[in-house]
Amino acid sequence: MKYTISFISFAIILMFSACATYKKQTTKKPLSIETTNQKAVDYSFYLIGDAGKNLANKNNPVSMALKTELDKDQNSSVLFLGDNIYPKGMPKKKSKNRSNAEKALDAQLAVVKDFKGKVIFIPGNHDWYNGLSGLKREANYIEKALNNKKVFFPSKGCPIDDIKINDHISMIAIDSQWFLEDWNKQPTINDNCSIKTREDFFLELESLLKKNEGKTTLIAIHHPNV
């Protein structure tokens, strides 16, 4: 069976190149969205990178364009590709930087609040800058706002999750920063995870690829500069 998928990237920074530049990118041309012929597409993915920095304003033209597109296309998924909060993840509630972190997330959540398709957030390196506890605070904030416990992947700060999109498409979500973290500074990082070592991670990835054999399988991962 031939299954056609369209990928539409709204991010200033594209998938797998999440931290490429810090220079402001501007254009005098009005924002437009180019999509494939919808009659030939069975399912769509909307990819958003570095939204914590670039979409921190609800009136951002990219946010507005994305919301307009989602209103027309419910047979799709929205994938936020990490660095959902700049610059240092989700602080504690009483922190002076907490309001800015919430503002960044709220701008993203406003776009997908009424969306009937699947919403997926994965973490980036900036989402880890308040440690494992900060990552969990971010996940809880998003889950509560969307009233959905299955929206932030991988869950519990673990390295990998298998996400069923539909009967024909699966997604493997990977937390690249879990792999790169200095575990000596995060002694509880794997307490709630079945995978305890980096070697086990690769075995699990191989297992999930075999499990999803015959499906269209996507791998979602944030790639930070290191």
Protein backbone atom coordinates (compact mmCIF):
# COMPACT_ATOMS: atom_id res chain seq x y z
CA MET A 1 0.00 0.00 0.00
CA LYS A 2 1.38 3.38 -0.95
CA TYR A 3 0.95 5.89 1.84
CA THR A 4 1.70 9.52 1.02
CA ILE A 5 2.79 11.91 3.75
CA SER A 6 3.46 15.61 3.53
CA PHE A 7 5.91 17.39 5.80
CA ILE A 8 5.37 21.11 6.28
CA SER A 9 8.05 22.98 8.20
CA PHE A 10 6.99 26.26 9.77
CA ALA A 11 10.17 26.73 11.77
CA ILE A 12 12.83 29.28 10.98
CA ILE A 13 15.25 26.49 11.78
CA LEU A 14 14.44 23.16 10.13
CA MET A 15 14.29 19.64 11.53
CA PHE A 16 17.63 18.19 12.74
CA SER A 17 19.36 21.59 12.60
CA ALA A 18 17.69 23.09 15.59
CA CYS A 19 20.41 25.41 16.89
CA ALA A 20 22.01 26.57 13.67
CA THR A 21 21.91 30.36 14.10
CA TYR A 22 21.14 33.11 16.56
CA LYS A 23 21.01 35.91 13.97
CA LYS A 24 17.64 37.48 13.38
CA GLN A 25 16.11 36.37 10.09
CA THR A 26 13.79 38.89 8.42
CA THR A 27 12.00 39.29 5.13
CA LYS A 28 9.85 41.97 3.53
CA LYS A 29 7.80 39.39 1.67
CA PRO A 30 4.50 38.29 3.24
CA LEU A 31 4.57 34.87 4.87
CA SER A 32 3.17 32.17 2.64
CA ILE A 33 2.90 28.40 3.04
CA GLU A 34 3.64 26.03 0.23
CA THR A 35 1.97 22.65 0.55
CA THR A 36 1.71 19.63 -1.65
CA ASN A 37 -1.52 18.73 -3.43
CA GLN A 38 -3.76 17.79 -0.52
CA LYS A 39 -5.75 15.37 -2.70
CA ALA A 40 -2.62 13.21 -3.01
CA VAL A 41 -1.74 13.31 0.71
CA ASP A 42 -2.99 10.75 3.21
CA TYR A 43 -1.46 12.38 6.28
CA SER A 44 0.52 15.52 7.13
CA PHE A 45 3.12 16.47 9.71
CA TYR A 46 3.79 20.08 10.73
CA LEU A 47 7.33 20.49 12.08
CA ILE A 48 8.20 23.32 14.48
CA GLY A 49 11.80 23.90 15.62
CA ASP A 50 13.14 26.16 18.37
CA ALA A 51 9.65 27.44 19.09
CA GLY A 52 10.64 28.54 22.60
CA LYS A 53 12.72 31.31 21.09
CA ASN A 54 11.12 32.01 17.74
CA LEU A 55 7.41 31.64 18.54
CA ALA A 56 7.33 33.17 22.02
CA ASN A 57 4.75 35.73 20.88
CA LYS A 58 1.17 34.63 20.18
CA ASN A 59 0.98 37.15 17.34
CA ASN A 60 4.06 35.75 15.62
CA PRO A 61 3.23 35.42 11.88
CA VAL A 62 4.48 31.82 11.82
CA SER A 63 2.18 30.91 14.73
CA MET A 64 -0.76 32.57 13.05
CA ALA A 65 -0.05 30.86 9.73
CA LEU A 66 0.28 27.49 11.42
CA LYS A 67 -3.00 27.89 13.29
CA THR A 68 -4.77 28.83 10.08
CA GLU A 69 -3.40 25.75 8.37
CA LEU A 70 -4.33 23.45 11.26
CA ASP A 71 -7.89 24.72 11.24
CA LYS A 72 -8.13 23.31 7.71
CA ASP A 73 -6.19 20.08 8.26
CA GLN A 74 -7.23 17.91 11.20
CA ASN A 75 -5.81 14.74 9.62
CA SER A 76 -2.31 15.59 10.75
CA SER A 77 0.19 15.82 13.59
CA VAL A 78 2.09 18.80 14.96
CA LEU A 79 5.63 18.07 16.13
CA PHE A 80 7.49 20.59 18.31
CA LEU A 81 11.13 19.60 17.85
CA GLY A 82 12.61 20.71 21.16
CA ASP A 83 14.02 23.86 22.75
CA ASN A 84 10.44 24.63 23.64
CA ILE A 85 11.63 27.05 26.34
CA TYR A 86 14.54 29.50 26.07
CA PRO A 87 17.04 29.95 27.46
CA LYS A 88 17.09 27.51 30.39
CA GLY A 89 14.00 25.35 30.46
CA MET A 90 11.22 25.48 33.04
CA PRO A 91 12.25 27.07 36.38
CA LYS A 92 10.45 26.55 39.69
CA LYS A 93 7.20 28.46 40.20
CA LYS A 94 8.71 31.19 42.36
CA SER A 95 11.67 31.81 40.06
CA LYS A 96 11.94 35.23 38.45
CA ASN A 97 12.27 33.57 35.04
CA ARG A 98 9.16 31.41 35.43
CA SER A 99 6.78 33.89 33.77
CA ASN A 100 8.94 34.12 30.64
CA ALA A 101 9.06 30.33 30.39
CA GLU A 102 5.29 30.09 30.73
CA LYS A 103 4.82 32.83 28.14
CA ALA A 104 6.94 30.90 25.64
CA LEU A 105 4.94 27.72 26.17
CA ASP A 106 1.59 29.51 26.21
CA ALA A 107 2.28 30.97 22.76
CA GLN A 108 2.87 27.47 21.38
CA LEU A 109 -0.05 25.93 23.23
CA ALA A 110 -2.43 28.59 21.94
CA VAL A 111 -1.78 27.36 18.40
CA VAL A 112 -2.76 23.75 19.15
CA LYS A 113 -5.28 24.12 21.97
CA ASP A 114 -8.28 23.41 19.74
CA PHE A 115 -6.47 21.16 17.29
CA LYS A 116 -8.09 17.73 16.93
CA GLY A 117 -5.06 16.00 15.47
CA LYS A 118 -2.07 14.68 17.41
CA VAL A 119 0.22 17.12 19.23
CA ILE A 120 3.74 15.98 20.11
CA PHE A 121 6.45 17.84 22.03
CA ILE A 122 9.98 16.44 22.33
CA PRO A 123 12.74 17.98 24.46
CA GLY A 124 15.89 19.73 23.30
CA ASN A 125 19.05 20.65 25.16
CA HIS A 126 17.60 23.97 26.40
CA ASP A 127 14.68 22.11 27.97
CA TRP A 128 17.20 20.27 30.16
CA TYR A 129 18.98 23.37 31.49
CA ASN A 130 16.94 23.22 34.70
CA GLY A 131 17.80 19.56 35.06
CA LEU A 132 15.53 16.54 35.11
CA SER A 133 13.13 18.26 37.51
CA GLY A 134 12.81 21.22 35.12
CA LEU A 135 12.07 18.86 32.24
CA LYS A 136 9.32 17.19 34.24
CA ARG A 137 7.88 20.60 35.20
CA GLU A 138 7.71 21.49 31.52
CA ALA A 139 6.02 18.20 30.62
CA ASN A 140 3.47 18.62 33.41
CA TYR A 141 2.69 22.19 32.34
CA ILE A 142 2.06 21.14 28.73
CA GLU A 143 0.01 18.09 29.71
CA LYS A 144 -2.15 20.11 32.07
CA ALA A 145 -2.71 22.91 29.55
CA LEU A 146 -3.81 20.47 26.84
CA ASN A 147 -5.53 18.08 29.26
CA ASN A 148 -3.56 15.27 27.66
CA LYS A 149 -1.06 12.92 29.32
CA LYS A 150 0.23 11.69 25.96
CA VAL A 151 1.70 14.79 24.41
CA PHE A 152 5.29 15.07 25.73
CA PHE A 153 7.70 12.35 24.58
CA PRO A 154 9.74 10.56 25.72
CA SER A 155 7.94 10.58 29.06
CA LYS A 156 9.51 10.81 32.54
CA GLY A 157 12.84 12.05 31.20
CA CYS A 158 13.51 8.67 29.62
CA PRO A 159 15.39 8.31 26.32
CA ILE A 160 12.95 6.79 23.83
CA ASP A 161 9.24 6.26 23.18
CA ASP A 162 7.18 4.57 20.49
CA ILE A 163 4.19 6.65 19.33
CA LYS A 164 1.39 5.20 17.24
CA ILE A 165 0.19 7.84 14.79
CA ASN A 166 -2.27 5.59 13.01
CA ASP A 167 -2.40 2.03 11.66
CA HIS A 168 0.16 2.86 8.98
CA ILE A 169 2.50 5.37 10.64
CA SER A 170 4.61 5.19 13.79
CA MET A 171 7.01 7.65 15.33
CA ILE A 172 10.02 6.93 17.53
CA ALA A 173 10.71 9.91 19.79
CA ILE A 174 14.27 10.19 21.10
CA ASP A 175 15.65 12.54 23.74
CA SER A 176 19.13 13.36 22.43
CA GLN A 177 20.04 15.29 25.57
CA TRP A 178 19.43 12.21 27.73
CA PHE A 179 22.27 10.60 25.80
CA LEU A 180 24.56 13.64 26.06
CA GLU A 181 23.89 14.49 29.72
CA ASP A 182 26.57 14.04 32.38
CA TRP A 183 24.76 11.40 34.39
CA ASN A 184 26.97 12.03 37.41
CA LYS A 185 25.22 15.40 37.73
CA GLN A 186 21.80 13.77 37.24
CA PRO A 187 21.97 10.72 39.56
CA THR A 188 18.22 10.07 39.37
CA ILE A 189 17.98 10.38 35.59
CA ASN A 190 17.03 6.74 35.01
CA ASP A 191 15.10 6.00 38.19
CA ASN A 192 11.76 5.84 36.38
CA CYS A 193 13.06 4.37 33.13
CA SER A 194 13.35 0.77 32.01
CA ILE A 195 16.45 1.73 30.02
CA LYS A 196 19.40 2.31 32.33
CA THR A 197 22.39 2.44 29.97
CA ARG A 198 23.28 3.92 26.61
CA GLU A 199 23.86 0.40 25.32
CA ASP A 200 20.29 -0.54 26.27
CA PHE A 201 19.07 2.52 24.37
CA PHE A 202 20.50 1.24 21.09
CA LEU A 203 19.01 -2.20 21.69
CA GLU A 204 15.61 -0.60 22.30
CA LEU A 205 15.88 1.49 19.15
CA GLU A 206 16.68 -1.61 17.12
CA SER A 207 13.74 -3.42 18.73
CA LEU A 208 11.29 -0.63 17.92
CA LEU A 209 12.44 -0.45 14.31
CA LYS A 210 11.80 -4.18 13.97
CA LYS A 211 8.45 -3.85 15.74
CA ASN A 212 7.31 -1.21 13.26
CA GLU A 213 8.59 -3.01 10.18
CA GLY A 214 6.17 -2.57 7.31
CA LYS A 215 4.95 0.81 8.57
CA THR A 216 6.11 4.29 7.71
CA THR A 217 8.36 4.93 10.72
CA LEU A 218 9.59 8.42 11.58
CA ILE A 219 12.36 9.22 14.05
CA ALA A 220 11.95 12.53 15.89
CA ILE A 221 15.07 13.83 17.60
CA HIS A 222 16.47 17.24 18.53
CA HIS A 223 20.02 17.87 17.38
CA PRO A 224 21.83 20.43 19.53
CA ASN A 225 25.20 22.04 18.83
CA VAL A 226 27.77 20.39 21.08
